[in-house]
C-alpha atoms as a PDB file:
ATOM      1  CA  UNK A   1       0.011  -0.103   0.014  1.00  0.00           C
ATOM      2  CA  UNK A   2       2.952   1.918   0.620  1.00  0.00           C
ATOM      3  CA  UNK A   3       3.383   3.179  -3.388  1.00  0.00           C
ATOM      4  CA  UNK A   4      -0.242   3.714  -3.495  1.00  0.00           C
ATOM      5  CA  UNK A   5      -1.202   0.450  -5.995  1.00  0.00           C
ATOM      6  CA  UNK A   6      -4.108  -0.660  -4.006  1.00  0.00           C
ATOM      7  CA  UNK A   7      -5.576  -2.662  -6.658  1.00  0.00           C
ATOM      8  CA  UNK A   8      -2.345  -4.960  -7.241  1.00  0.00           C
ATOM      9  CA  UNK A   9      -2.302  -4.621  -2.980  1.00  0.00           C
ATOM     10  CA  UNK A  10      -6.177  -5.973  -3.099  1.00  0.00           C
ATOM     11  CA  UNK A  11      -5.339  -8.744  -5.277  1.00  0.00           C
ATOM     12  CA  UNK A  12      -2.361  -9.920  -3.016  1.00  0.00           C
ATOM     13  CA  UNK A  13      -4.297  -9.263   0.046  1.00  0.00           C
ATOM     14  CA  UNK A  14      -7.063 -12.099  -1.240  1.00  0.00           C
ATOM     15  CA  UNK A  15      -4.532 -14.270  -2.192  1.00  0.00           C
ATOM     16  CA  UNK A  16      -2.926 -13.993   1.358  1.00  0.00           C
ATOM     17  CA  UNK A  17      -6.834 -14.069   2.939  1.00  0.00           C
ATOM     18  CA  UNK A  18      -7.588 -17.103   0.835  1.00  0.00           C
ATOM     19  CA  UNK A  19      -4.494 -19.669   1.584  1.00  0.00           C
ATOM     20  CA  UNK A  20      -4.211 -19.063   5.497  1.00  0.00           C
ATOM     21  CA  UNK A  21      -6.077 -21.297   7.793  1.00  0.00           C
ATOM     22  CA  UNK A  22      -5.855 -19.155  10.971  1.00  0.00           C
ATOM     23  CA  UNK A  23      -6.357 -15.620  12.077  1.00  0.00           C
ATOM     24  CA  UNK A  24      -2.575 -15.240  13.404  1.00  0.00           C
ATOM     25  CA  UNK A  25      -1.485 -16.016   9.670  1.00  0.00           C
ATOM     26  CA  UNK A  26      -3.211 -13.197   7.982  1.00  0.00           C
ATOM     27  CA  UNK A  27      -2.991 -10.994  10.836  1.00  0.00           C
ATOM     28  CA  UNK A  28      -0.539  -8.832   9.022  1.00  0.00           C
ATOM     29  CA  UNK A  29      -2.558  -9.187   5.672  1.00  0.00           C
ATOM     30  CA  UNK A  30      -5.269  -7.637   7.638  1.00  0.00           C
ATOM     31  CA  UNK A  31      -3.339  -4.563   9.521  1.00  0.00           C
ATOM     32  CA  UNK A  32      -2.384  -3.656   6.250  1.00  0.00           C
ATOM     33  CA  UNK A  33      -5.923  -3.434   4.697  1.00  0.00           C
ATOM     34  CA  UNK A  34      -6.935  -1.416   7.639  1.00  0.00           C
ATOM     35  CA  UNK A  35      -4.209   0.894   6.834  1.00  0.00           C
ATOM     36  CA  UNK A  36      -4.842   1.035   3.342  1.00  0.00           C
ATOM     37  CA  UNK A  37      -8.138   1.808   3.494  1.00  0.00           C
ATOM     38  CA  UNK A  38      -7.649   4.458   5.654  1.00  0.00           C
ATOM     39  CA  UNK A  39      -4.939   5.757   3.680  1.00  0.00           C
ATOM     40  CA  UNK A  40      -7.615   5.919   0.578  1.00  0.00           C
ATOM     41  CA  UNK A  41      -9.870   8.064   2.566  1.00  0.00           C
ATOM     42  CA  UNK A  42     -11.947   4.965   3.149  1.00  0.00           C
ATOM     43  CA  UNK A  43     -11.869   5.854   7.245  1.00  0.00           C
ATOM     44  CA  UNK A  44     -15.498   4.024   7.872  1.00  0.00           C
ATOM     45  CA  UNK A  45     -14.443   0.702   6.337  1.00  0.00           C
ATOM     46  CA  UNK A  46     -11.243   0.834   7.563  1.00  0.00           C
ATOM     47  CA  UNK A  47     -12.556   1.230  11.225  1.00  0.00           C
ATOM     48  CA  UNK A  48     -15.070  -1.204  10.371  1.00  0.00           C
ATOM     49  CA  UNK A  49     -12.818  -4.146   9.429  1.00  0.00           C
ATOM     50  CA  UNK A  50     -10.871  -3.152  12.531  1.00  0.00           C
ATOM     51  CA  UNK A  51     -13.731  -3.576  14.729  1.00  0.00           C
ATOM     52  CA  UNK A  52     -14.247  -7.146  12.743  1.00  0.00           C
ATOM     53  CA  UNK A  53     -10.156  -8.160  13.346  1.00  0.00           C
ATOM     54  CA  UNK A  54     -10.636  -6.988  17.252  1.00  0.00           C
ATOM     55  CA  UNK A  55     -13.898  -9.371  17.298  1.00  0.00           C
ATOM     56  CA  UNK A  56     -11.690 -12.260  16.057  1.00  0.00           C
ATOM     57  CA  UNK A  57      -8.931 -10.920  18.835  1.00  0.00           C
ATOM     58  CA  UNK A  58     -11.470 -11.775  21.753  1.00  0.00           C
ATOM     59  CA  UNK A  59     -12.303  -7.859  21.968  1.00  0.00           C
ATOM     60  CA  UNK A  60     -15.603  -6.763  21.397  1.00  0.00           C
ATOM     61  CA  UNK A  61     -17.378  -3.371  21.528  1.00  0.00           C
ATOM     62  CA  UNK A  62     -20.775  -2.748  22.084  1.00  0.00           C
ATOM     63  CA  UNK A  63     -22.465   0.425  20.569  1.00  0.00           C
ATOM     64  CA  UNK A  64     -21.775   3.091  22.856  1.00  0.00           C
ATOM     65  CA  UNK A  65     -23.957   5.237  24.763  1.00  0.00           C
ATOM     66  CA  UNK A  66     -23.795   7.699  27.315  1.00  0.00           C
ATOM     67  CA  UNK A  67     -24.370   5.339  30.121  1.00  0.00           C
ATOM     68  CA  UNK A  68     -22.028   2.259  29.216  1.00  0.00           C
ATOM     69  CA  UNK A  69     -19.534   4.843  28.659  1.00  0.00           C
ATOM     70  CA  UNK A  70     -19.811   6.538  31.957  1.00  0.00           C
ATOM     71  CA  UNK A  71     -19.635   3.069  33.717  1.00  0.00           C
ATOM     72  CA  UNK A  72     -16.246   1.851  31.788  1.00  0.00           C
ATOM     73  CA  UNK A  73     -14.878   5.052  32.745  1.00  0.00           C
ATOM     74  CA  UNK A  74     -15.598   4.760  36.004  1.00  0.00           C
ATOM     75  CA  UNK A  75     -14.585   1.283  36.124  1.00  0.00           C
ATOM     76  CA  UNK A  76     -11.135   2.093  35.087  1.00  0.00           C
ATOM     77  CA  UNK A  77     -11.193   4.656  37.468  1.00  0.00           C
ATOM     78  CA  UNK A  78     -11.226   2.698  39.953  1.00  0.00           C
ATOM     79  CA  UNK A  79      -8.571   0.317  39.096  1.00  0.00           C
ATOM     80  CA  UNK A  80      -6.098   3.169  38.680  1.00  0.00           C
ATOM     81  CA  UNK A  81      -7.133   4.665  41.860  1.00  0.00           C
ATOM     82  CA  UNK A  82      -3.584   5.657  43.679  1.00  0.00           C
ATOM     83  CA  UNK A  83      -1.467   4.097  41.274  1.00  0.00           C
ATOM     84  CA  UNK A  84       1.501   6.417  40.447  1.00  0.00           C
ATOM     85  CA  UNK A  85       2.996   6.918  36.832  1.00  0.00           C
ATOM     86  CA  UNK A  86       6.388   5.454  38.046  1.00  0.00           C
ATOM     87  CA  UNK A  87       4.268   2.206  38.836  1.00  0.00           C
ATOM     88  CA  UNK A  88       1.985   2.071  35.617  1.00  0.00           C
ATOM     89  CA  UNK A  89       5.941   2.555  33.854  1.00  0.00           C
ATOM     90  CA  UNK A  90       7.071  -0.541  35.940  1.00  0.00           C
ATOM     91  CA  UNK A  91       4.597  -2.767  34.770  1.00  0.00           C
ATOM     92  CA  UNK A  92       6.095  -5.906  32.702  1.00  0.00           C
ATOM     93  CA  UNK A  93       5.161  -5.610  29.172  1.00  0.00           C
ATOM     94  CA  UNK A  94       2.057  -7.670  27.794  1.00  0.00           C
ATOM     95  CA  UNK A  95       3.386 -11.127  26.402  1.00  0.00           C
ATOM     96  CA  UNK A  96      -0.110 -12.209  24.984  1.00  0.00           C
ATOM     97  CA  UNK A  97       0.056 -11.688  21.159  1.00  0.00           C
ATOM     98  CA  UNK A  98      -3.667 -11.174  20.678  1.00  0.00           C
ATOM     99  CA  UNK A  99      -3.739  -8.650  23.322  1.00  0.00           C
ATOM    100  CA  UNK A 100      -0.836  -6.860  21.790  1.00  0.00           C
ATOM    101  CA  UNK A 101      -2.170  -7.196  18.443  1.00  0.00           C
ATOM    102  CA  UNK A 102      -5.457  -5.598  19.734  1.00  0.00           C
ATOM    103  CA  UNK A 103      -3.462  -2.568  21.372  1.00  0.00           C
ATOM    104  CA  UNK A 104      -2.028  -2.239  17.939  1.00  0.00           C
ATOM    105  CA  UNK A 105      -5.374  -2.016  16.029  1.00  0.00           C
ATOM    106  CA  UNK A 106      -6.861   0.267  19.018  1.00  0.00           C
ATOM    107  CA  UNK A 107      -4.376   2.758  18.460  1.00  0.00           C
ATOM    108  CA  UNK A 108      -5.069   2.805  14.408  1.00  0.00           C
ATOM    109  CA  UNK A 109      -8.831   3.042  16.060  1.00  0.00           C
ATOM    110  CA  UNK A 110      -8.036   6.218  17.573  1.00  0.00           C
ATOM    111  CA  UNK A 111      -6.150   8.061  14.953  1.00  0.00           C
ATOM    112  CA  UNK A 112      -8.881   6.984  12.304  1.00  0.00           C
ATOM    113  CA  UNK A 113     -11.696   8.141  14.353  1.00  0.00           C
ATOM    114  CA  UNK A 114     -10.120  11.483  14.835  1.00  0.00           C
ATOM    115  CA  UNK A 115      -9.696  11.784  11.492  1.00  0.00           C
ATOM    116  CA  UNK A 116     -13.273  10.622  10.680  1.00  0.00           C
ATOM    117  CA  UNK A 117     -14.834  13.248  12.442  1.00  0.00           C
ATOM    118  CA  UNK A 118     -12.726  15.994  11.419  1.00  0.00           C
ATOM    119  CA  UNK A 119     -14.022  15.215   7.796  1.00  0.00           C
END
C-alpha cells in the first residue's frame, strides 16, 4: 500500500486471505488492509474492518451510549486509583500476542476515528 498501487495490493491480500487458515497468519494482511483503506480515505471501512478483527481477537465493542461509557470510565478510574505514573511505567510488558495486536489496532482506531470526525 506504500506505493499507492491499491489494486495490486487488493489482489495480493485476497491471495493471502484465501491461503491462510488461522487468524494469526492473516493478521498482518488485515493490518495492511486497514491502513490501506484509511490511506484511500475510506475511514469508515477501515474502522469497521478493524472492529471485526478486534472481535476475532476476543475484544468486543458494544454500541456505545453515555451510560456504558460512563460506567466503563468509572470502572477504569477505580482500577487506576492510587497508582502512580512510576508504578504503571514499571509494569512488565504484555506478552499475549492477541492483546498486543488488539492494542495496535486500537491505536489505529483512535487515529482514524479522530480523522473521520474531522472530515
